Amino acid sequence: MSVLLFIAAIVTVMEVFVAVYLIKKHKMKILQSLYTSLPVIVIVWIAAIMYS
């Protein structure tokens, strides 16, 4: 497994924690947190797959 794919997996897990935090603490809606987290996850995975 490539280091970039490992980092992408870690970033994905961290983004899930950020989304849960935003939903619980700041009373954000699920779709709002998806709009903030999903683009980051997609960009990180595309970059990891392209460069590995």
PDB file of N, CA and C in Angstrom:
ATOM      1  N   MET A   1       0.849  -1.196   0.000  1.00  0.00           N
ATOM      2  CA  MET A   1       0.000   0.000   0.000  1.00  0.00           C
ATOM      3  C   MET A   1       0.881   1.241   0.000  1.00  0.00           C
ATOM      4  N   SER A   2       0.562   2.146  -0.851  1.00  0.00           N
ATOM      5  CA  SER A   2       1.332   3.371  -1.005  1.00  0.00           C
ATOM      6  C   SER A   2       1.138   4.299   0.203  1.00  0.00           C
ATOM      7  N   VAL A   3       2.118   5.114   0.443  1.00  0.00           N
ATOM      8  CA  VAL A   3       2.038   6.081   1.547  1.00  0.00           C
ATOM      9  C   VAL A   3       0.919   7.085   1.283  1.00  0.00           C
ATOM     10  N   LEU A   4       0.755   7.476   0.028  1.00  0.00           N
ATOM     11  CA  LEU A   4      -0.297   8.444  -0.297  1.00  0.00           C
ATOM     12  C   LEU A   4      -1.687   7.874  -0.042  1.00  0.00           C
ATOM     13  N   LEU A   5      -1.871   6.600  -0.337  1.00  0.00           N
ATOM     14  CA  LEU A   5      -3.175   5.983  -0.063  1.00  0.00           C
ATOM     15  C   LEU A   5      -3.412   5.868   1.434  1.00  0.00           C
ATOM     16  N   PHE A   6      -2.357   5.607   2.185  1.00  0.00           N
ATOM     17  CA  PHE A   6      -2.464   5.553   3.642  1.00  0.00           C
ATOM     18  C   PHE A   6      -2.849   6.924   4.198  1.00  0.00           C
ATOM     19  N   ILE A   7      -2.219   7.970   3.695  1.00  0.00           N
ATOM     20  CA  ILE A   7      -2.537   9.332   4.133  1.00  0.00           C
ATOM     21  C   ILE A   7      -3.967   9.692   3.744  1.00  0.00           C
ATOM     22  N   ALA A   8      -4.409   9.276   2.556  1.00  0.00           N
ATOM     23  CA  ALA A   8      -5.779   9.546   2.120  1.00  0.00           C
ATOM     24  C   ALA A   8      -6.785   8.868   3.044  1.00  0.00           C
ATOM     25  N   ALA A   9      -6.468   7.655   3.484  1.00  0.00           N
ATOM     26  CA  ALA A   9      -7.359   6.959   4.407  1.00  0.00           C
ATOM     27  C   ALA A   9      -7.434   7.693   5.745  1.00  0.00           C
ATOM     28  N   ILE A  10      -6.286   8.172   6.229  1.00  0.00           N
ATOM     29  CA  ILE A  10      -6.267   8.917   7.491  1.00  0.00           C
ATOM     30  C   ILE A  10      -7.078  10.210   7.358  1.00  0.00           C
ATOM     31  N   VAL A  11      -6.909  10.917   6.243  1.00  0.00           N
ATOM     32  CA  VAL A  11      -7.663  12.154   6.022  1.00  0.00           C
ATOM     33  C   VAL A  11      -9.162  11.868   5.965  1.00  0.00           C
ATOM     34  N   THR A  12      -9.540  10.760   5.358  1.00  0.00           N
ATOM     35  CA  THR A  12     -10.956  10.389   5.284  1.00  0.00           C
ATOM     36  C   THR A  12     -11.528  10.161   6.676  1.00  0.00           C
ATOM     37  N   VAL A  13     -10.797   9.443   7.509  1.00  0.00           N
ATOM     38  CA  VAL A  13     -11.260   9.195   8.883  1.00  0.00           C
ATOM     39  C   VAL A  13     -11.363  10.515   9.649  1.00  0.00           C
ATOM     40  N   MET A  14     -10.377  11.388   9.495  1.00  0.00           N
ATOM     41  CA  MET A  14     -10.414  12.676  10.194  1.00  0.00           C
ATOM     42  C   MET A  14     -11.587  13.534   9.720  1.00  0.00           C
ATOM     43  N   GLU A  15     -11.883  13.504   8.426  1.00  0.00           N
ATOM     44  CA  GLU A  15     -13.023  14.267   7.913  1.00  0.00           C
ATOM     45  C   GLU A  15     -14.342  13.740   8.459  1.00  0.00           C
ATOM     46  N   VAL A  16     -14.443  12.440   8.669  1.00  0.00           N
ATOM     47  CA  VAL A  16     -15.649  11.878   9.276  1.00  0.00           C
ATOM     48  C   VAL A  16     -15.805  12.402  10.700  1.00  0.00           C
ATOM     49  N   PHE A  17     -14.693  12.447  11.453  1.00  0.00           N
ATOM     50  CA  PHE A  17     -14.752  12.997  12.806  1.00  0.00           C
ATOM     51  C   PHE A  17     -15.132  14.474  12.796  1.00  0.00           C
ATOM     52  N   VAL A  18     -14.611  15.229  11.840  1.00  0.00           N
ATOM     53  CA  VAL A  18     -14.958  16.652  11.726  1.00  0.00           C
ATOM     54  C   VAL A  18     -16.440  16.806  11.420  1.00  0.00           C
ATOM     55  N   ALA A  19     -16.956  15.985  10.520  1.00  0.00           N
ATOM     56  CA  ALA A  19     -18.381  16.072  10.173  1.00  0.00           C
ATOM     57  C   ALA A  19     -19.254  15.749  11.377  1.00  0.00           C
ATOM     58  N   VAL A  20     -18.907  14.713  12.132  1.00  0.00           N
ATOM     59  CA  VAL A  20     -19.682  14.354  13.323  1.00  0.00           C
ATOM     60  C   VAL A  20     -19.610  15.475  14.351  1.00  0.00           C
ATOM     61  N   TYR A  21     -18.425  16.075  14.514  1.00  0.00           N
ATOM     62  CA  TYR A  21     -18.265  17.184  15.452  1.00  0.00           C
ATOM     63  C   TYR A  21     -19.148  18.369  15.048  1.00  0.00           C
ATOM     64  N   LEU A  22     -19.146  18.706  13.746  1.00  0.00           N
ATOM     65  CA  LEU A  22     -19.949  19.836  13.288  1.00  0.00           C
ATOM     66  C   LEU A  22     -21.439  19.571  13.489  1.00  0.00           C
ATOM     67  N   ILE A  23     -21.862  18.336  13.274  1.00  0.00           N
ATOM     68  CA  ILE A  23     -23.281  18.010  13.431  1.00  0.00           C
ATOM     69  C   ILE A  23     -23.682  18.081  14.898  1.00  0.00           C
ATOM     70  N   LYS A  24     -22.850  17.537  15.779  1.00  0.00           N
ATOM     71  CA  LYS A  24     -23.226  17.474  17.197  1.00  0.00           C
ATOM     72  C   LYS A  24     -23.034  18.802  17.930  1.00  0.00           C
ATOM     73  N   LYS A  25     -21.894  19.447  17.754  1.00  0.00           N
ATOM     74  CA  LYS A  25     -21.590  20.638  18.553  1.00  0.00           C
ATOM     75  C   LYS A  25     -22.180  21.919  17.972  1.00  0.00           C
ATOM     76  N   HIS A  26     -22.186  22.043  16.652  1.00  0.00           N
ATOM     77  CA  HIS A  26     -22.635  23.290  16.033  1.00  0.00           C
ATOM     78  C   HIS A  26     -24.017  23.168  15.413  1.00  0.00           C
ATOM     79  N   LYS A  27     -24.677  22.030  15.674  1.00  0.00           N
ATOM     80  CA  LYS A  27     -26.047  21.796  15.195  1.00  0.00           C
ATOM     81  C   LYS A  27     -26.160  21.980  13.682  1.00  0.00           C
ATOM     82  N   MET A  28     -25.117  21.571  12.974  1.00  0.00           N
ATOM     83  CA  MET A  28     -25.123  21.676  11.527  1.00  0.00           C
ATOM     84  C   MET A  28     -25.962  20.539  10.947  1.00  0.00           C
ATOM     85  N   LYS A  29     -26.594  20.790   9.833  1.00  0.00           N
ATOM     86  CA  LYS A  29     -27.354  19.734   9.173  1.00  0.00           C
ATOM     87  C   LYS A  29     -26.393  18.763   8.491  1.00  0.00           C
ATOM     88  N   ILE A  30     -26.850  17.543   8.264  1.00  0.00           N
ATOM     89  CA  ILE A  30     -25.991  16.517   7.668  1.00  0.00           C
ATOM     90  C   ILE A  30     -25.550  16.928   6.271  1.00  0.00           C
ATOM     91  N   LEU A  31     -26.466  17.493   5.483  1.00  0.00           N
ATOM     92  CA  LEU A  31     -26.084  17.898   4.128  1.00  0.00           C
ATOM     93  C   LEU A  31     -25.055  19.019   4.145  1.00  0.00           C
ATOM     94  N   GLN A  32     -25.152  19.951   5.078  1.00  0.00           N
ATOM     95  CA  GLN A  32     -24.162  21.019   5.179  1.00  0.00           C
ATOM     96  C   GLN A  32     -22.785  20.459   5.498  1.00  0.00           C
ATOM     97  N   SER A  33     -22.718  19.504   6.392  1.00  0.00           N
ATOM     98  CA  SER A  33     -21.420  18.937   6.730  1.00  0.00           C
ATOM     99  C   SER A  33     -20.880  18.105   5.570  1.00  0.00           C
ATOM    100  N   LEU A  34     -21.765  17.478   4.797  1.00  0.00           N
ATOM    101  CA  LEU A  34     -21.308  16.763   3.603  1.00  0.00           C
ATOM    102  C   LEU A  34     -20.712  17.722   2.581  1.00  0.00           C
ATOM    103  N   TYR A  35     -21.322  18.889   2.418  1.00  0.00           N
ATOM    104  CA  TYR A  35     -20.794  19.870   1.473  1.00  0.00           C
ATOM    105  C   TYR A  35     -19.398  20.339   1.867  1.00  0.00           C
ATOM    106  N   THR A  36     -19.082  20.345   3.160  1.00  0.00           N
ATOM    107  CA  THR A  36     -17.755  20.783   3.575  1.00  0.00           C
ATOM    108  C   THR A  36     -16.749  19.642   3.564  1.00  0.00           C
ATOM    109  N   SER A  37     -17.176  18.428   3.875  1.00  0.00           N
ATOM    110  CA  SER A  37     -16.239  17.311   4.002  1.00  0.00           C
ATOM    111  C   SER A  37     -16.023  16.540   2.702  1.00  0.00           C
ATOM    112  N   LEU A  38     -17.067  16.361   1.937  1.00  0.00           N
ATOM    113  CA  LEU A  38     -16.972  15.516   0.751  1.00  0.00           C
ATOM    114  C   LEU A  38     -15.978  16.014  -0.294  1.00  0.00           C
ATOM    115  N   PRO A  39     -15.927  17.309  -0.617  1.00  0.00           N
ATOM    116  CA  PRO A  39     -14.934  17.752  -1.614  1.00  0.00           C
ATOM    117  C   PRO A  39     -13.494  17.477  -1.178  1.00  0.00           C
ATOM    118  N   VAL A  40     -13.211  17.635   0.095  1.00  0.00           N
ATOM    119  CA  VAL A  40     -11.856  17.369   0.594  1.00  0.00           C
ATOM    120  C   VAL A  40     -11.510  15.895   0.417  1.00  0.00           C
ATOM    121  N   ILE A  41     -12.435  15.027   0.767  1.00  0.00           N
ATOM    122  CA  ILE A  41     -12.195  13.588   0.651  1.00  0.00           C
ATOM    123  C   ILE A  41     -11.968  13.203  -0.811  1.00  0.00           C
ATOM    124  N   VAL A  42     -12.807  13.724  -1.705  1.00  0.00           N
ATOM    125  CA  VAL A  42     -12.685  13.382  -3.127  1.00  0.00           C
ATOM    126  C   VAL A  42     -11.358  13.867  -3.690  1.00  0.00           C
ATOM    127  N   ILE A  43     -10.962  15.093  -3.382  1.00  0.00           N
ATOM    128  CA  ILE A  43      -9.707  15.640  -3.899  1.00  0.00           C
ATOM    129  C   ILE A  43      -8.512  14.857  -3.379  1.00  0.00           C
ATOM    130  N   VAL A  44      -8.521  14.506  -2.102  1.00  0.00           N
ATOM    131  CA  VAL A  44      -7.398  13.767  -1.524  1.00  0.00           C
ATOM    132  C   VAL A  44      -7.277  12.389  -2.163  1.00  0.00           C
ATOM    133  N   TRP A  45      -8.400  11.697  -2.354  1.00  0.00           N
ATOM    134  CA  TRP A  45      -8.341  10.361  -2.959  1.00  0.00           C
ATOM    135  C   TRP A  45      -7.924  10.420  -4.421  1.00  0.00           C
ATOM    136  N   ILE A  46      -8.399  11.419  -5.169  1.00  0.00           N
ATOM    137  CA  ILE A  46      -7.985  11.554  -6.576  1.00  0.00           C
ATOM    138  C   ILE A  46      -6.486  11.804  -6.657  1.00  0.00           C
ATOM    139  N   ALA A  47      -5.988  12.692  -5.807  1.00  0.00           N
ATOM    140  CA  ALA A  47      -4.558  12.986  -5.820  1.00  0.00           C
ATOM    141  C   ALA A  47      -3.749  11.756  -5.414  1.00  0.00           C
ATOM    142  N   ALA A  48      -4.213  11.013  -4.424  1.00  0.00           N
ATOM    143  CA  ALA A  48      -3.484   9.831  -3.965  1.00  0.00           C
ATOM    144  C   ALA A  48      -3.447   8.754  -5.035  1.00  0.00           C
ATOM    145  N   ILE A  49      -4.551   8.570  -5.745  1.00  0.00           N
ATOM    146  CA  ILE A  49      -4.583   7.545  -6.785  1.00  0.00           C
ATOM    147  C   ILE A  49      -3.753   7.969  -7.993  1.00  0.00           C
ATOM    148  N   MET A  50      -3.797   9.253  -8.333  1.00  0.00           N
ATOM    149  CA  MET A  50      -3.034   9.717  -9.494  1.00  0.00           C
ATOM    150  C   MET A  50      -1.536   9.635  -9.275  1.00  0.00           C
ATOM    151  N   TYR A  51      -1.076   9.971  -8.080  1.00  0.00           N
ATOM    152  CA  TYR A  51       0.365  10.060  -7.837  1.00  0.00           C
ATOM    153  C   TYR A  51       0.960   8.804  -7.225  1.00  0.00           C
ATOM    154  N   SER A  52       0.161   7.761  -7.024  1.00  0.00           N
ATOM    155  CA  SER A  52       0.749   6.550  -6.453  1.00  0.00           C
ATOM    156  C   SER A  52       0.928   5.482  -7.519  1.00  0.00           C
TER     157      SER A  52
END
